[in-house]
Protein backbone atom coordinates (compact mmCIF):
# COMPACT_ATOMS: atom_id res chain seq x y z
CA MET A 1 0.00 0.00 0.00
CA GLN A 2 1.12 3.56 -0.75
CA THR A 3 -0.30 6.93 0.24
CA ILE A 4 -0.74 10.21 -1.65
CA TYR A 5 -2.62 13.37 -0.66
CA LEU A 6 -4.78 14.94 -3.36
CA ALA A 7 -6.46 18.34 -3.21
CA GLY A 8 -9.21 18.77 -5.76
CA GLY A 9 -11.52 21.47 -4.50
CA CYS A 10 -14.25 20.58 -2.01
CA PHE A 11 -13.12 17.40 -0.34
CA TRP A 12 -16.62 15.92 -0.13
CA GLY A 13 -16.83 15.17 -3.84
CA ALA A 14 -13.12 14.48 -4.21
CA GLN A 15 -13.33 11.74 -1.58
CA LYS A 16 -16.35 10.06 -3.17
CA TYR A 17 -14.69 10.29 -6.60
CA LEU A 18 -11.38 8.84 -5.42
CA ASP A 19 -13.17 6.06 -3.51
CA ALA A 20 -14.70 4.94 -6.83
CA ILE A 21 -11.31 4.27 -8.48
CA PRO A 22 -10.33 0.59 -8.52
CA GLY A 23 -7.16 0.14 -6.47
CA VAL A 24 -8.01 2.88 -3.96
CA LEU A 25 -8.17 1.07 -0.62
CA HIS A 26 -9.05 3.83 1.85
CA THR A 27 -9.63 7.58 1.89
CA GLU A 28 -9.88 10.22 4.57
CA VAL A 29 -10.52 13.95 4.24
CA GLY A 30 -8.45 16.58 5.96
CA TYR A 31 -6.46 19.78 5.73
CA ALA A 32 -3.02 19.81 4.10
CA ASN A 33 -0.01 22.11 3.95
CA GLY A 34 -1.27 25.01 6.02
CA LYS A 35 0.25 27.12 8.76
CA THR A 36 -2.10 26.37 11.69
CA ALA A 37 -1.83 23.24 13.80
CA ASN A 38 -5.03 21.20 14.14
CA PRO A 39 -7.32 23.63 12.31
CA THR A 40 -11.07 23.38 12.35
CA TYR A 41 -13.21 23.64 9.24
CA GLU A 42 -14.30 27.12 10.33
CA GLN A 43 -10.68 28.23 10.68
CA VAL A 44 -9.75 26.85 7.25
CA CYS A 45 -12.72 28.63 5.66
CA ARG A 46 -12.52 31.95 7.49
CA GLU A 47 -9.16 32.51 9.15
CA GLY A 48 -6.58 32.17 6.36
CA THR A 49 -4.85 29.04 7.66
CA ASP A 50 -3.57 28.36 4.11
CA HIS A 51 -4.63 24.71 4.24
CA ALA A 52 -5.99 22.90 1.19
CA GLU A 53 -9.00 20.64 1.58
CA ALA A 54 -7.36 17.34 0.71
CA VAL A 55 -7.99 13.61 0.56
CA LYS A 56 -5.51 11.14 2.02
CA VAL A 57 -5.54 8.24 -0.45
CA ASP A 58 -4.19 4.79 0.41
CA TYR A 59 -3.89 2.77 -2.77
CA ASP A 60 -2.53 -0.46 -4.19
CA PRO A 61 0.18 0.48 -6.71
CA GLN A 62 -0.23 -2.87 -8.46
CA VAL A 63 -3.84 -2.05 -9.32
CA ALA A 64 -3.55 1.73 -9.55
CA PRO A 65 0.05 2.90 -10.08
CA LEU A 66 0.61 6.56 -9.22
CA PRO A 67 0.71 7.86 -12.85
CA PHE A 68 -2.61 6.11 -13.55
CA LEU A 69 -4.17 7.36 -10.32
CA LEU A 70 -3.14 10.93 -11.16
CA GLU A 71 -4.55 10.66 -14.68
CA VAL A 72 -7.91 9.61 -13.28
CA PHE A 73 -7.72 12.38 -10.64
CA TYR A 74 -7.22 15.02 -13.35
CA ASP A 75 -10.63 14.12 -14.81
CA ALA A 76 -12.29 15.38 -11.61
CA ILE A 77 -10.63 18.80 -11.53
CA ASP A 78 -10.04 21.84 -13.68
CA PRO A 79 -6.24 21.79 -13.47
CA THR A 80 -5.90 25.28 -14.96
CA THR A 81 -7.79 27.31 -12.36
CA VAL A 82 -6.21 28.87 -9.30
CA ASN A 83 -7.94 28.57 -5.92
CA ARG A 84 -11.22 27.45 -7.45
CA GLN A 85 -13.09 24.27 -8.40
CA GLY A 86 -16.69 24.45 -9.53
CA GLY A 87 -18.57 27.00 -7.45
CA ASP A 88 -16.03 26.87 -4.62
CA VAL A 89 -13.59 29.78 -4.48
CA GLY A 90 -10.77 30.30 -1.99
CA ARG A 91 -7.25 29.19 -1.20
CA GLN A 92 -8.56 26.04 0.55
CA TYR A 93 -9.99 24.87 -2.80
CA ARG A 94 -6.69 24.91 -4.68
CA THR A 95 -5.59 21.76 -6.47
CA GLY A 96 -2.53 19.93 -5.27
CA ILE A 97 -0.64 16.68 -5.09
CA TYR A 98 1.30 16.19 -1.86
CA THR A 99 3.59 13.30 -1.04
CA THR A 100 5.65 11.94 1.82
CA SER A 101 7.89 9.99 -0.58
CA PRO A 102 10.69 11.87 -2.39
CA ALA A 103 10.56 9.14 -5.08
CA ASP A 104 7.03 10.30 -5.99
CA LEU A 105 8.00 13.88 -6.88
CA PRO A 106 9.58 13.11 -10.29
CA VAL A 107 6.56 10.94 -11.16
CA ILE A 108 4.18 13.74 -10.15
CA GLU A 109 6.17 16.38 -12.04
CA ALA A 110 6.30 14.23 -15.21
CA SER A 111 2.55 13.64 -14.95
CA LEU A 112 1.83 17.37 -14.62
CA LYS A 113 4.16 18.15 -17.55
CA ALA A 114 2.30 15.60 -19.71
CA LEU A 115 -1.04 17.09 -18.61
CA ALA A 116 0.08 20.62 -19.56
CA ALA A 117 1.25 19.34 -22.96
CA LYS A 118 -2.06 17.55 -23.51
CA LEU A 119 -4.02 20.70 -22.60
CA GLY A 120 -1.69 23.02 -24.48
CA LYS A 121 -1.51 25.42 -21.52
CA PRO A 122 0.00 25.66 -18.05
CA VAL A 123 -1.57 23.84 -15.13
CA ALA A 124 -2.09 25.31 -11.66
CA VAL A 125 -1.82 22.08 -9.67
CA GLU A 126 0.67 22.28 -6.80
CA ALA A 127 3.20 19.46 -6.53
CA ALA A 128 4.99 19.43 -3.20
CA PRO A 129 6.10 17.37 -0.25
CA LEU A 130 3.44 17.04 2.42
CA ASP A 131 4.38 19.48 5.18
CA ASN A 132 1.42 18.69 7.41
CA TYR A 133 -1.98 17.06 7.35
CA TYR A 134 -4.79 17.13 9.89
CA THR A 135 -7.83 14.87 9.72
CA ALA A 136 -11.08 16.79 9.20
CA GLU A 137 -14.00 16.55 11.57
CA GLU A 138 -16.00 13.32 11.51
CA TYR A 139 -19.05 14.89 9.86
CA HIS A 140 -16.92 15.59 6.76
CA GLN A 141 -15.79 11.95 6.39
CA LYS A 142 -17.73 10.19 3.59
CA TYR A 143 -20.03 13.23 3.58
CA LEU A 144 -21.73 12.47 0.27
CA ASP A 145 -22.44 8.89 1.37
CA LYS A 146 -24.15 10.28 4.48
CA ASN A 147 -25.82 13.10 2.51
CA PRO A 148 -26.48 11.80 -1.04
CA GLY A 149 -28.07 15.07 -2.13
CA GLY A 150 -25.16 17.15 -0.85
CA TYR A 151 -23.29 19.66 -2.99
CA CYS A 152 -20.64 18.33 -5.33
CA HIS A 153 -18.69 20.04 -8.10
CA ILE A 154 -17.97 16.68 -9.77
CA GLY A 155 -20.58 15.44 -12.24
CA PRO A 156 -22.16 11.97 -12.52
CA ALA A 157 -20.28 11.18 -15.75
CA GLN A 158 -16.97 11.79 -13.99
CA PHE A 159 -17.94 9.43 -11.14
CA ALA A 160 -18.87 6.77 -13.70
CA ARG A 161 -15.53 7.17 -15.52
CA ALA A 162 -13.64 6.83 -12.22
CA ALA A 163 -15.48 3.61 -11.34
CA ALA A 164 -14.80 2.20 -14.82
CA ALA A 165 -11.12 3.18 -14.94
CA ARG A 166 -8.71 0.27 -15.22
CA TYR A 167 -4.95 0.38 -15.37
CA ALA A 168 -3.56 -1.25 -18.51
CA PRO A 169 0.21 -1.34 -19.01
CA LYS A 170 1.36 0.04 -22.34
CA ASN A 171 3.56 -3.05 -22.76
CA GLY A 172 4.56 -6.08 -20.76
CA ASN A 173 7.45 -4.26 -19.07
CA ASP A 174 5.54 -1.13 -18.05
CA LYS A 175 5.23 -0.99 -14.25
CA SER A 176 4.18 2.67 -14.10
């Protein structure tokens, strides 16, 4: 099992989306890379803590290698906007990929470079080591499962694509 932290706007929808991807074993929502220890949701929203709403993703790299997982993640975000996803605006809604493994950074950077080339324009997704992460309050965990009619910036077609995504090596030797 490996872990990556993904910020894709409101963490309610991002968690449900990431949970749908085959190979994702467990998710948890929280606050990443801010300047306040143990922030509350109210602090993140109103007090400029500089945290991103993020999802801690534990995944099986044999089923969902990191480059594949990132490719599927990009389908749920607008990677070109700054501090905004859907109707949510603010620094806490920035997009980001945070890791605790230095070996992941070149993989992340190559993935973002390929995404920018595919889009033909720069991307605004942060790629950085994880400085800190604090688990969000319990009522935020699996929020859309508890509240099926809750707000989500991710559309039904994107959820369906995530659930249908399957990693397929480009050739027999490809382990990425």
